[in-house]
PDB file of N, CA and C in Angstrom:
ATOM      1  N   MET A   1     147.561 117.034  86.870  1.00  0.00           N
ATOM      2  CA  MET A   1     148.319 115.825  86.662  1.00  0.00           C
ATOM      3  C   MET A   1     148.016 115.306  85.257  1.00  0.00           C
ATOM      4  N   ILE A   2     149.029 114.755  84.654  1.00  0.00           N
ATOM      5  CA  ILE A   2     148.857 114.114  83.352  1.00  0.00           C
ATOM      6  C   ILE A   2     149.463 112.712  83.437  1.00  0.00           C
ATOM      7  N   VAL A   3     148.739 111.749  82.894  1.00  0.00           N
ATOM      8  CA  VAL A   3     149.177 110.357  82.928  1.00  0.00           C
ATOM      9  C   VAL A   3     149.288 109.870  81.484  1.00  0.00           C
ATOM     10  N   PHE A   4     150.433 109.294  81.147  1.00  0.00           N
ATOM     11  CA  PHE A   4     150.652 108.718  79.825  1.00  0.00           C
ATOM     12  C   PHE A   4     150.580 107.198  79.927  1.00  0.00           C
ATOM     13  N   ALA A   5     149.877 106.590  78.990  1.00  0.00           N
ATOM     14  CA  ALA A   5     149.744 105.129  78.989  1.00  0.00           C
ATOM     15  C   ALA A   5     149.746 104.629  77.555  1.00  0.00           C
ATOM     16  N   THR A   6     150.170 103.412  77.377  1.00  0.00           N
ATOM     17  CA  THR A   6     150.111 102.816  76.049  1.00  0.00           C
ATOM     18  C   THR A   6     148.739 102.169  75.860  1.00  0.00           C
ATOM     19  N   GLY A   7     148.179 102.326  74.684  1.00  0.00           N
ATOM     20  CA  GLY A   7     146.862 101.776  74.416  1.00  0.00           C
ATOM     21  C   GLY A   7     146.898 100.428  73.728  1.00  0.00           C
ATOM     22  N   THR A   8     148.067 100.054  73.216  1.00  0.00           N
ATOM     23  CA  THR A   8     148.204  98.793  72.495  1.00  0.00           C
ATOM     24  C   THR A   8     149.605  98.236  72.743  1.00  0.00           C
ATOM     25  N   ASP A   9     149.684  96.945  73.013  1.00  0.00           N
ATOM     26  CA  ASP A   9     150.995  96.329  73.174  1.00  0.00           C
ATOM     27  C   ASP A   9     151.492  95.806  71.827  1.00  0.00           C
ATOM     28  N   GLN A  10     152.607  95.106  71.834  1.00  0.00           N
ATOM     29  CA  GLN A  10     153.198  94.627  70.579  1.00  0.00           C
ATOM     30  C   GLN A  10     152.334  93.600  69.851  1.00  0.00           C
ATOM     31  N   THR A  11     151.335  93.031  70.539  1.00  0.00           N
ATOM     32  CA  THR A  11     150.441  92.067  69.888  1.00  0.00           C
ATOM     33  C   THR A  11     149.197  92.741  69.305  1.00  0.00           C
ATOM     34  N   GLY A  12     149.052  94.068  69.555  1.00  0.00           N
ATOM     35  CA  GLY A  12     147.887  94.787  69.053  1.00  0.00           C
ATOM     36  C   GLY A  12     146.720  94.807  70.024  1.00  0.00           C
ATOM     37  N   HIS A  13     146.942  94.338  71.243  1.00  0.00           N
ATOM     38  CA  HIS A  13     145.887  94.310  72.257  1.00  0.00           C
ATOM     39  C   HIS A  13     146.231  95.245  73.406  1.00  0.00           C
ATOM     40  N   LEU A  14     145.243  95.461  74.281  1.00  0.00           N
ATOM     41  CA  LEU A  14     145.517  96.249  75.474  1.00  0.00           C
ATOM     42  C   LEU A  14     146.604  95.567  76.293  1.00  0.00           C
ATOM     43  N   PRO A  15     147.526  96.327  76.831  1.00  0.00           N
ATOM     44  CA  PRO A  15     148.573  95.719  77.656  1.00  0.00           C
ATOM     45  C   PRO A  15     147.963  95.068  78.899  1.00  0.00           C
ATOM     46  N   ALA A  16     148.412  93.885  79.223  1.00  0.00           N
ATOM     47  CA  ALA A  16     147.906  93.168  80.398  1.00  0.00           C
ATOM     48  C   ALA A  16     148.221  93.918  81.680  1.00  0.00           C
ATOM     49  N   THR A  17     149.265  94.728  81.660  1.00  0.00           N
ATOM     50  CA  THR A  17     149.675  95.452  82.853  1.00  0.00           C
ATOM     51  C   THR A  17     148.979  96.799  83.021  1.00  0.00           C
ATOM     52  N   LEU A  18     148.118  97.164  82.090  1.00  0.00           N
ATOM     53  CA  LEU A  18     147.405  98.443  82.172  1.00  0.00           C
ATOM     54  C   LEU A  18     146.405  98.387  83.318  1.00  0.00           C
ATOM     55  N   ASN A  19     146.555  99.257  84.293  1.00  0.00           N
ATOM     56  CA  ASN A  19     145.680  99.276  85.464  1.00  0.00           C
ATOM     57  C   ASN A  19     144.547 100.266  85.219  1.00  0.00           C
ATOM     58  N   SER A  20     143.468  99.784  84.610  1.00  0.00           N
ATOM     59  CA  SER A  20     142.334 100.636  84.259  1.00  0.00           C
ATOM     60  C   SER A  20     141.677 101.251  85.482  1.00  0.00           C
ATOM     61  N   ASP A  21     141.682 100.537  86.592  1.00  0.00           N
ATOM     62  CA  ASP A  21     141.069 101.053  87.811  1.00  0.00           C
ATOM     63  C   ASP A  21     141.783 102.320  88.282  1.00  0.00           C
ATOM     64  N   VAL A  22     143.092 102.289  88.305  1.00  0.00           N
ATOM     65  CA  VAL A  22     143.877 103.460  88.710  1.00  0.00           C
ATOM     66  C   VAL A  22     143.672 104.599  87.714  1.00  0.00           C
ATOM     67  N   LEU A  23     143.685 104.284  86.437  1.00  0.00           N
ATOM     68  CA  LEU A  23     143.502 105.314  85.417  1.00  0.00           C
ATOM     69  C   LEU A  23     142.126 105.958  85.497  1.00  0.00           C
ATOM     70  N   ALA A  24     141.100 105.159  85.723  1.00  0.00           N
ATOM     71  CA  ALA A  24     139.735 105.682  85.803  1.00  0.00           C
ATOM     72  C   ALA A  24     139.577 106.643  86.973  1.00  0.00           C
ATOM     73  N   ARG A  25     140.305 106.409  88.041  1.00  0.00           N
ATOM     74  CA  ARG A  25     140.189 107.232  89.243  1.00  0.00           C
ATOM     75  C   ARG A  25     141.182 108.394  89.286  1.00  0.00           C
ATOM     76  N   ALA A  26     142.081 108.441  88.325  1.00  0.00           N
ATOM     77  CA  ALA A  26     143.077 109.512  88.289  1.00  0.00           C
ATOM     78  C   ALA A  26     142.392 110.859  88.056  1.00  0.00           C
ATOM     79  N   GLU A  27     142.760 111.837  88.871  1.00  0.00           N
ATOM     80  CA  GLU A  27     142.228 113.184  88.689  1.00  0.00           C
ATOM     81  C   GLU A  27     143.191 113.949  87.798  1.00  0.00           C
ATOM     82  N   GLY A  28     142.899 113.982  86.557  1.00  0.00           N
ATOM     83  CA  GLY A  28     143.769 114.668  85.624  1.00  0.00           C
ATOM     84  C   GLY A  28     143.517 114.204  84.211  1.00  0.00           C
ATOM     85  N   THR A  29     144.452 114.534  83.367  1.00  0.00           N
ATOM     86  CA  THR A  29     144.349 114.229  81.948  1.00  0.00           C
ATOM     87  C   THR A  29     145.050 112.911  81.651  1.00  0.00           C
ATOM     88  N   LEU A  30     144.399 112.086  80.862  1.00  0.00           N
ATOM     89  CA  LEU A  30     144.968 110.812  80.436  1.00  0.00           C
ATOM     90  C   LEU A  30     145.341 110.910  78.962  1.00  0.00           C
ATOM     91  N   VAL A  31     146.505 110.398  78.618  1.00  0.00           N
ATOM     92  CA  VAL A  31     146.958 110.364  77.233  1.00  0.00           C
ATOM     93  C   VAL A  31     147.326 108.921  76.916  1.00  0.00           C
ATOM     94  N   PHE A  32     146.680 108.372  75.907  1.00  0.00           N
ATOM     95  CA  PHE A  32     146.952 106.997  75.482  1.00  0.00           C
ATOM     96  C   PHE A  32     147.606 107.036  74.112  1.00  0.00           C
ATOM     97  N   TYR A  33     148.788 106.421  74.027  1.00  0.00           N
ATOM     98  CA  TYR A  33     149.459 106.265  72.749  1.00  0.00           C
ATOM     99  C   TYR A  33     148.945 105.009  72.066  1.00  0.00           C
ATOM    100  N   MET A  34     148.762 105.090  70.774  1.00  0.00           N
ATOM    101  CA  MET A  34     148.355 103.940  69.956  1.00  0.00           C
ATOM    102  C   MET A  34     147.097 103.244  70.499  1.00  0.00           C
ATOM    103  N   PRO A  35     145.998 103.975  70.690  1.00  0.00           N
ATOM    104  CA  PRO A  35     144.806 103.386  71.276  1.00  0.00           C
ATOM    105  C   PRO A  35     143.800 102.824  70.283  1.00  0.00           C
ATOM    106  N   VAL A  36     144.014 103.015  68.997  1.00  0.00           N
ATOM    107  CA  VAL A  36     142.960 102.722  68.017  1.00  0.00           C
ATOM    108  C   VAL A  36     142.441 101.286  68.113  1.00  0.00           C
ATOM    109  N   GLY A  37     143.315 100.313  68.159  1.00  0.00           N
ATOM    110  CA  GLY A  37     142.877  98.917  68.222  1.00  0.00           C
ATOM    111  C   GLY A  37     142.117  98.564  69.481  1.00  0.00           C
ATOM    112  N   GLY A  38     142.386  99.272  70.568  1.00  0.00           N
ATOM    113  CA  GLY A  38     141.731  98.972  71.842  1.00  0.00           C
ATOM    114  C   GLY A  38     140.820 100.079  72.330  1.00  0.00           C
ATOM    115  N   LEU A  39     140.438 100.984  71.426  1.00  0.00           N
ATOM    116  CA  LEU A  39     139.668 102.157  71.828  1.00  0.00           C
ATOM    117  C   LEU A  39     138.358 101.796  72.537  1.00  0.00           C
ATOM    118  N   ASP A  40     137.633 100.829  72.011  1.00  0.00           N
ATOM    119  CA  ASP A  40     136.379 100.412  72.662  1.00  0.00           C
ATOM    120  C   ASP A  40     136.657  99.909  74.077  1.00  0.00           C
ATOM    121  N   SER A  41     137.671  99.076  74.222  1.00  0.00           N
ATOM    122  CA  SER A  41     138.005  98.521  75.537  1.00  0.00           C
ATOM    123  C   SER A  41     138.487  99.595  76.501  1.00  0.00           C
ATOM    124  N   ILE A  42     139.312 100.498  76.012  1.00  0.00           N
ATOM    125  CA  ILE A  42     139.835 101.570  76.868  1.00  0.00           C
ATOM    126  C   ILE A  42     138.699 102.424  77.398  1.00  0.00           C
ATOM    127  N   THR A  43     137.862 102.919  76.513  1.00  0.00           N
ATOM    128  CA  THR A  43     136.793 103.817  76.944  1.00  0.00           C
ATOM    129  C   THR A  43     135.750 103.093  77.798  1.00  0.00           C
ATOM    130  N   ALA A  44     135.422 101.857  77.448  1.00  0.00           N
ATOM    131  CA  ALA A  44     134.453 101.092  78.245  1.00  0.00           C
ATOM    132  C   ALA A  44     134.984 100.823  79.645  1.00  0.00           C
ATOM    133  N   SER A  45     136.262 100.468  79.739  1.00  0.00           N
ATOM    134  CA  SER A  45     136.866 100.216  81.054  1.00  0.00           C
ATOM    135  C   SER A  45     136.870 101.481  81.905  1.00  0.00           C
ATOM    136  N   LEU A  46     137.311 102.581  81.320  1.00  0.00           N
ATOM    137  CA  LEU A  46     137.387 103.825  82.078  1.00  0.00           C
ATOM    138  C   LEU A  46     136.020 104.260  82.585  1.00  0.00           C
ATOM    139  N   THR A  47     135.009 104.205  81.723  1.00  0.00           N
ATOM    140  CA  THR A  47     133.688 104.669  82.136  1.00  0.00           C
ATOM    141  C   THR A  47     133.011 103.688  83.094  1.00  0.00           C
ATOM    142  N   SER A  48     133.222 102.400  82.918  1.00  0.00           N
ATOM    143  CA  SER A  48     132.593 101.436  83.832  1.00  0.00           C
ATOM    144  C   SER A  48     133.231 101.477  85.220  1.00  0.00           C
ATOM    145  N   LEU A  49     134.458 101.980  85.281  1.00  0.00           N
ATOM    146  CA  LEU A  49     135.157 102.070  86.568  1.00  0.00           C
ATOM    147  C   LEU A  49     135.049 103.460  87.200  1.00  0.00           C
ATOM    148  N   GLY A  50     134.221 104.318  86.624  1.00  0.00           N
ATOM    149  CA  GLY A  50     133.932 105.588  87.283  1.00  0.00           C
ATOM    150  C   GLY A  50     134.306 106.860  86.565  1.00  0.00           C
ATOM    151  N   ARG A  51     135.014 106.776  85.470  1.00  0.00           N
ATOM    152  CA  ARG A  51     135.341 108.001  84.728  1.00  0.00           C
ATOM    153  C   ARG A  51     134.067 108.491  84.042  1.00  0.00           C
ATOM    154  N   ASP A  52     133.829 109.778  84.051  1.00  0.00           N
ATOM    155  CA  ASP A  52     132.607 110.363  83.507  1.00  0.00           C
ATOM    156  C   ASP A  52     132.555 110.175  81.986  1.00  0.00           C
ATOM    157  N   PRO A  53     131.535 109.480  81.468  1.00  0.00           N
ATOM    158  CA  PRO A  53     131.444 109.285  80.017  1.00  0.00           C
ATOM    159  C   PRO A  53     131.204 110.591  79.258  1.00  0.00           C
ATOM    160  N   ARG A  54     130.814 111.655  79.979  1.00  0.00           N
ATOM    161  CA  ARG A  54     130.587 112.960  79.338  1.00  0.00           C
ATOM    162  C   ARG A  54     131.859 113.798  79.277  1.00  0.00           C
ATOM    163  N   GLU A  55     132.953 113.278  79.830  1.00  0.00           N
ATOM    164  CA  GLU A  55     134.217 114.000  79.859  1.00  0.00           C
ATOM    165  C   GLU A  55     134.709 114.272  78.434  1.00  0.00           C
ATOM    166  N   PRO A  56     135.184 115.486  78.157  1.00  0.00           N
ATOM    167  CA  PRO A  56     135.710 115.784  76.827  1.00  0.00           C
ATOM    168  C   PRO A  56     136.888 114.881  76.462  1.00  0.00           C
ATOM    169  N   ALA A  57     136.923 114.489  75.202  1.00  0.00           N
ATOM    170  CA  ALA A  57     138.005 113.638  74.705  1.00  0.00           C
ATOM    171  C   ALA A  57     138.312 114.023  73.268  1.00  0.00           C
ATOM    172  N   ILE A  58     139.567 113.887  72.897  1.00  0.00           N
ATOM    173  CA  ILE A  58     139.952 114.062  71.496  1.00  0.00           C
ATOM    174  C   ILE A  58     140.837 112.899  71.088  1.00  0.00           C
ATOM    175  N   LEU A  59     140.719 112.545  69.846  1.00  0.00           N
ATOM    176  CA  LEU A  59     141.562 111.530  69.247  1.00  0.00           C
ATOM    177  C   LEU A  59     142.304 112.234  68.113  1.00  0.00           C
ATOM    178  N   VAL A  60     143.625 112.218  68.183  1.00  0.00           N
ATOM    179  CA  VAL A  60     144.440 112.894  67.169  1.00  0.00           C
ATOM    180  C   VAL A  60     145.124 111.829  66.333  1.00  0.00           C
ATOM    181  N   GLU A  61     144.758 111.792  65.067  1.00  0.00           N
ATOM    182  CA  GLU A  61     145.335 110.843  64.119  1.00  0.00           C
ATOM    183  C   GLU A  61     146.480 111.537  63.384  1.00  0.00           C
ATOM    184  N   HIS A  62     147.610 110.866  63.236  1.00  0.00           N
ATOM    185  CA  HIS A  62     148.783 111.415  62.550  1.00  0.00           C
ATOM    186  C   HIS A  62     149.201 112.752  63.158  1.00  0.00           C
ATOM    187  N   ALA A  63     149.296 112.800  64.481  1.00  0.00           N
ATOM    188  CA  ALA A  63     149.617 114.036  65.199  1.00  0.00           C
ATOM    189  C   ALA A  63     150.926 114.655  64.733  1.00  0.00           C
ATOM    190  N   GLY A  64     150.853 115.948  64.431  1.00  0.00           N
ATOM    191  CA  GLY A  64     152.056 116.704  64.104  1.00  0.00           C
ATOM    192  C   GLY A  64     152.606 116.539  62.713  1.00  0.00           C
ATOM    193  N   VAL A  65     151.902 115.812  61.856  1.00  0.00           N
ATOM    194  CA  VAL A  65     152.387 115.632  60.485  1.00  0.00           C
ATOM    195  C   VAL A  65     151.263 115.950  59.508  1.00  0.00           C
ATOM    196  N   ALA A  66     151.622 116.008  58.236  1.00  0.00           N
ATOM    197  CA  ALA A  66     150.613 116.244  57.203  1.00  0.00           C
ATOM    198  C   ALA A  66     149.531 115.181  57.322  1.00  0.00           C
ATOM    199  N   GLY A  67     148.307 115.598  57.203  1.00  0.00           N
ATOM    200  CA  GLY A  67     147.195 114.668  57.315  1.00  0.00           C
ATOM    201  C   GLY A  67     146.673 114.531  58.732  1.00  0.00           C
ATOM    202  N   GLU A  68     147.210 115.343  59.667  1.00  0.00           N
ATOM    203  CA  GLU A  68     146.708 115.298  61.046  1.00  0.00           C
ATOM    204  C   GLU A  68     145.203 115.545  61.040  1.00  0.00           C
ATOM    205  N   ARG A  69     144.525 114.761  61.863  1.00  0.00           N
ATOM    206  CA  ARG A  69     143.073 114.905  61.972  1.00  0.00           C
ATOM    207  C   ARG A  69     142.709 114.793  63.446  1.00  0.00           C
ATOM    208  N   VAL A  70     141.808 115.672  63.887  1.00  0.00           N
ATOM    209  CA  VAL A  70     141.366 115.675  65.279  1.00  0.00           C
ATOM    210  C   VAL A  70     139.877 115.365  65.325  1.00  0.00           C
ATOM    211  N   ILE A  71     139.539 114.335  66.083  1.00  0.00           N
ATOM    212  CA  ILE A  71     138.139 113.970  66.302  1.00  0.00           C
ATOM    213  C   ILE A  71     137.815 114.340  67.746  1.00  0.00           C
ATOM    214  N   ALA A  72     136.819 115.178  67.934  1.00  0.00           N
ATOM    215  CA  ALA A  72     136.435 115.616  69.276  1.00  0.00           C
ATOM    216  C   ALA A  72     135.123 114.966  69.669  1.00  0.00           C
ATOM    217  N   GLY A  73     135.003 114.662  70.938  1.00  0.00           N
ATOM    218  CA  GLY A  73     133.762 114.072  71.429  1.00  0.00           C
ATOM    219  C   GLY A  73     133.804 113.916  72.929  1.00  0.00           C
ATOM    220  N   ARG A  74     133.014 113.018  73.409  1.00  0.00           N
ATOM    221  CA  ARG A  74     132.984 112.695  74.832  1.00  0.00           C
ATOM    222  C   ARG A  74     133.583 111.303  75.004  1.00  0.00           C
ATOM    223  N   LEU A  75     134.132 111.059  76.167  1.00  0.00           N
ATOM    224  CA  LEU A  75     134.803 109.791  76.423  1.00  0.00           C
ATOM    225  C   LEU A  75     133.909 108.596  76.103  1.00  0.00           C
ATOM    226  N   GLY A  76     132.640 108.671  76.473  1.00  0.00           N
ATOM    227  CA  GLY A  76     131.732 107.552  76.254  1.00  0.00           C
ATOM    228  C   GLY A  76     131.310 107.352  74.807  1.00  0.00           C
ATOM    229  N   GLU A  77     131.641 108.313  73.946  1.00  0.00           N
ATOM    230  CA  GLU A  77     131.203 108.246  72.546  1.00  0.00           C
ATOM    231  C   GLU A  77     132.349 108.289  71.540  1.00  0.00           C
ATOM    232  N   ILE A  78     133.556 108.590  72.021  1.00  0.00           N
ATOM    233  CA  ILE A  78     134.676 108.828  71.101  1.00  0.00           C
ATOM    234  C   ILE A  78     135.029 107.602  70.267  1.00  0.00           C
ATOM    235  N   ALA A  79     134.846 106.408  70.808  1.00  0.00           N
ATOM    236  CA  ALA A  79     135.162 105.196  70.033  1.00  0.00           C
ATOM    237  C   ALA A  79     134.224 105.077  68.831  1.00  0.00           C
ATOM    238  N   ASP A  80     132.947 105.335  69.038  1.00  0.00           N
ATOM    239  CA  ASP A  80     131.985 105.289  67.935  1.00  0.00           C
ATOM    240  C   ASP A  80     132.280 106.373  66.904  1.00  0.00           C
ATOM    241  N   GLU A  81     132.619 107.562  67.388  1.00  0.00           N
ATOM    242  CA  GLU A  81     132.928 108.666  66.484  1.00  0.00           C
ATOM    243  C   GLU A  81     134.191 108.380  65.668  1.00  0.00           C
ATOM    244  N   ALA A  82     135.170 107.786  66.313  1.00  0.00           N
ATOM    245  CA  ALA A  82     136.409 107.438  65.604  1.00  0.00           C
ATOM    246  C   ALA A  82     136.143 106.383  64.541  1.00  0.00           C
ATOM    247  N   ARG A  83     135.339 105.397  64.880  1.00  0.00           N
ATOM    248  CA  ARG A  83     134.999 104.339  63.927  1.00  0.00           C
ATOM    249  C   ARG A  83     134.248 104.937  62.729  1.00  0.00           C
ATOM    250  N   ALA A  84     133.286 105.813  63.003  1.00  0.00           N
ATOM    251  CA  ALA A  84     132.509 106.444  61.931  1.00  0.00           C
ATOM    252  C   ALA A  84     133.392 107.299  61.029  1.00  0.00           C
ATOM    253  N   ALA A  85     134.435 107.902  61.614  1.00  0.00           N
ATOM    254  CA  ALA A  85     135.344 108.751  60.838  1.00  0.00           C
ATOM    255  C   ALA A  85     136.445 107.948  60.157  1.00  0.00           C
ATOM    256  N   GLY A  86     136.529 106.661  60.462  1.00  0.00           N
ATOM    257  CA  GLY A  86     137.558 105.820  59.852  1.00  0.00           C
ATOM    258  C   GLY A  86     138.963 106.106  60.357  1.00  0.00           C
ATOM    259  N   VAL A  87     139.080 106.481  61.621  1.00  0.00           N
ATOM    260  CA  VAL A  87     140.393 106.783  62.202  1.00  0.00           C
ATOM    261  C   VAL A  87     141.239 105.517  62.263  1.00  0.00           C
ATOM    262  N   GLY A  88     142.491 105.660  61.894  1.00  0.00           N
ATOM    263  CA  GLY A  88     143.437 104.549  61.961  1.00  0.00           C
ATOM    264  C   GLY A  88     144.699 104.973  62.680  1.00  0.00           C
ATOM    265  N   PRO A  89     145.564 104.021  62.982  1.00  0.00           N
ATOM    266  CA  PRO A  89     146.822 104.367  63.637  1.00  0.00           C
ATOM    267  C   PRO A  89     147.768 105.059  62.659  1.00  0.00           C
ATOM    268  N   PRO A  90     148.682 105.828  63.165  1.00  0.00           N
ATOM    269  CA  PRO A  90     148.922 106.133  64.564  1.00  0.00           C
ATOM    270  C   PRO A  90     147.980 107.230  65.058  1.00  0.00           C
ATOM    271  N   ALA A  91     147.656 107.150  66.325  1.00  0.00           N
ATOM    272  CA  ALA A  91     146.780 108.146  66.933  1.00  0.00           C
ATOM    273  C   ALA A  91     147.059 108.240  68.426  1.00  0.00           C
ATOM    274  N   VAL A  92     146.553 109.299  69.015  1.00  0.00           N
ATOM    275  CA  VAL A  92     146.672 109.542  70.447  1.00  0.00           C
ATOM    276  C   VAL A  92     145.292 109.900  70.964  1.00  0.00           C
ATOM    277  N   LEU A  93     144.887 109.287  72.069  1.00  0.00           N
ATOM    278  CA  LEU A  93     143.636 109.625  72.749  1.00  0.00           C
ATOM    279  C   LEU A  93     143.983 110.490  73.946  1.00  0.00           C
ATOM    280  N   ILE A  94     143.315 111.628  74.060  1.00  0.00           N
ATOM    281  CA  ILE A  94     143.516 112.523  75.201  1.00  0.00           C
ATOM    282  C   ILE A  94     142.151 112.789  75.812  1.00  0.00           C
ATOM    283  N   THR A  95     142.031 112.577  77.113  1.00  0.00           N
ATOM    284  CA  THR A  95     140.773 112.818  77.805  1.00  0.00           C
ATOM    285  C   THR A  95     141.053 113.385  79.185  1.00  0.00           C
ATOM    286  N   GLY A  96     140.170 114.238  79.629  1.00  0.00           N
ATOM    287  CA  GLY A  96     140.338 114.843  80.943  1.00  0.00           C
ATOM    288  C   GLY A  96     139.975 116.309  80.937  1.00  0.00           C
ATOM    289  N   PRO A  97     140.150 116.954  82.076  1.00  0.00           N
ATOM    290  CA  PRO A  97     139.695 118.332  82.232  1.00  0.00           C
ATOM    291  C   PRO A  97     140.404 119.345  81.342  1.00  0.00           C
ATOM    292  N   THR A  98     141.619 119.072  80.933  1.00  0.00           N
ATOM    293  CA  THR A  98     142.332 120.049  80.104  1.00  0.00           C
ATOM    294  C   THR A  98     141.934 119.994  78.635  1.00  0.00           C
ATOM    295  N   VAL A  99     141.243 118.958  78.231  1.00  0.00           N
ATOM    296  CA  VAL A  99     140.896 118.811  76.816  1.00  0.00           C
ATOM    297  C   VAL A  99     140.002 119.953  76.346  1.00  0.00           C
ATOM    298  N   ALA A 100     139.051 120.351  77.162  1.00  0.00           N
ATOM    299  CA  ALA A 100     138.145 121.436  76.774  1.00  0.00           C
ATOM    300  C   ALA A 100     138.886 122.765  76.638  1.00  0.00           C
ATOM    301  N   LEU A 101     140.051 122.877  77.233  1.00  0.00           N
ATOM    302  CA  LEU A 101     140.838 124.106  77.188  1.00  0.00           C
ATOM    303  C   LEU A 101     141.970 124.038  76.183  1.00  0.00           C
ATOM    304  N   ALA A 102     142.078 122.938  75.478  1.00  0.00           N
ATOM    305  CA  ALA A 102     143.202 122.697  74.571  1.00  0.00           C
ATOM    306  C   ALA A 102     143.228 123.699  73.427  1.00  0.00           C
ATOM    307  N   SER A 103     144.426 123.934  72.920  1.00  0.00           N
ATOM    308  CA  SER A 103     144.604 124.766  71.747  1.00  0.00           C
ATOM    309  C   SER A 103     144.466 123.862  70.529  1.00  0.00           C
ATOM    310  N   VAL A 104     143.258 123.822  70.010  1.00  0.00           N
ATOM    311  CA  VAL A 104     142.945 122.959  68.869  1.00  0.00           C
ATOM    312  C   VAL A 104     142.230 123.794  67.814  1.00  0.00           C
ATOM    313  N   PRO A 105     142.045 123.259  66.627  1.00  0.00           N
ATOM    314  CA  PRO A 105     141.380 124.020  65.566  1.00  0.00           C
ATOM    315  C   PRO A 105     140.013 124.546  65.998  1.00  0.00           C
ATOM    316  N   LEU A 106     139.615 125.669  65.421  1.00  0.00           N
ATOM    317  CA  LEU A 106     138.360 126.325  65.768  1.00  0.00           C
ATOM    318  C   LEU A 106     137.167 125.372  65.679  1.00  0.00           C
ATOM    319  N   SER A 107     137.116 124.538  64.650  1.00  0.00           N
ATOM    320  CA  SER A 107     135.989 123.614  64.499  1.00  0.00           C
ATOM    321  C   SER A 107     135.904 122.657  65.678  1.00  0.00           C
ATOM    322  N   VAL A 108     137.049 122.236  66.199  1.00  0.00           N
ATOM    323  CA  VAL A 108     137.064 121.337  67.352  1.00  0.00           C
ATOM    324  C   VAL A 108     136.702 122.107  68.618  1.00  0.00           C
ATOM    325  N   ARG A 109     137.204 123.335  68.758  1.00  0.00           N
ATOM    326  CA  ARG A 109     136.865 124.145  69.940  1.00  0.00           C
ATOM    327  C   ARG A 109     135.372 124.374  70.031  1.00  0.00           C
ATOM    328  N   ARG A 110     134.711 124.535  68.908  1.00  0.00           N
ATOM    329  CA  ARG A 110     133.256 124.732  68.934  1.00  0.00           C
ATOM    330  C   ARG A 110     132.560 123.506  69.497  1.00  0.00           C
ATOM    331  N   VAL A 111     133.006 122.319  69.121  1.00  0.00           N
ATOM    332  CA  VAL A 111     132.426 121.097  69.648  1.00  0.00           C
ATOM    333  C   VAL A 111     132.698 121.000  71.140  1.00  0.00           C
ATOM    334  N   LEU A 112     133.935 121.237  71.535  1.00  0.00           N
ATOM    335  CA  LEU A 112     134.323 121.101  72.938  1.00  0.00           C
ATOM    336  C   LEU A 112     133.655 122.155  73.813  1.00  0.00           C
ATOM    337  N   ALA A 113     133.369 123.325  73.267  1.00  0.00           N
ATOM    338  CA  ALA A 113     132.761 124.383  74.051  1.00  0.00           C
ATOM    339  C   ALA A 113     131.408 123.963  74.623  1.00  0.00           C
ATOM    340  N   GLY A 114     130.711 123.127  73.927  1.00  0.00           N
ATOM    341  CA  GLY A 114     129.418 122.640  74.390  1.00  0.00           C
ATOM    342  C   GLY A 114     129.541 121.542  75.424  1.00  0.00           C
ATOM    343  N   MET A 115     130.758 121.099  75.731  1.00  0.00           N
ATOM    344  CA  MET A 115     130.971 119.980  76.657  1.00  0.00           C
ATOM    345  C   MET A 115     131.400 120.415  78.044  1.00  0.00           C
ATOM    346  N   VAL A 116     131.791 121.658  78.187  1.00  0.00           N
ATOM    347  CA  VAL A 116     132.253 122.113  79.493  1.00  0.00           C
ATOM    348  C   VAL A 116     131.051 122.222  80.414  1.00  0.00           C
ATOM    349  N   SER A 117     131.138 121.503  81.560  1.00  0.00           N
ATOM    350  CA  SER A 117     129.997 121.542  82.478  1.00  0.00           C
ATOM    351  C   SER A 117     130.263 122.434  83.649  1.00  0.00           C
TER     352      SER A 117
END
């Protein structure tokens, strides 16, 4: 299963209608569009509600265009890693069991390979 959700509403905040409890318990891959402004809140909510903080996650900045950048990490750490890398919008956060199997650059696959439990 794959679930798509918006990470930021028109005001730049997490959408009030985002049901973090349902998302945290979803068995599958989560994809958040435009999560950069709410990345700390998204990841904290998901992990505090039961999603494994060790789950593989990637943040793709400028997906599909020149300057695309992929930051790989774990759900519980990806916000810090994104901040350290200076990631800005537009970006997509992808987390879940399929992330470790994703077709991504070799450098990212090496990081993700150490995350499969």
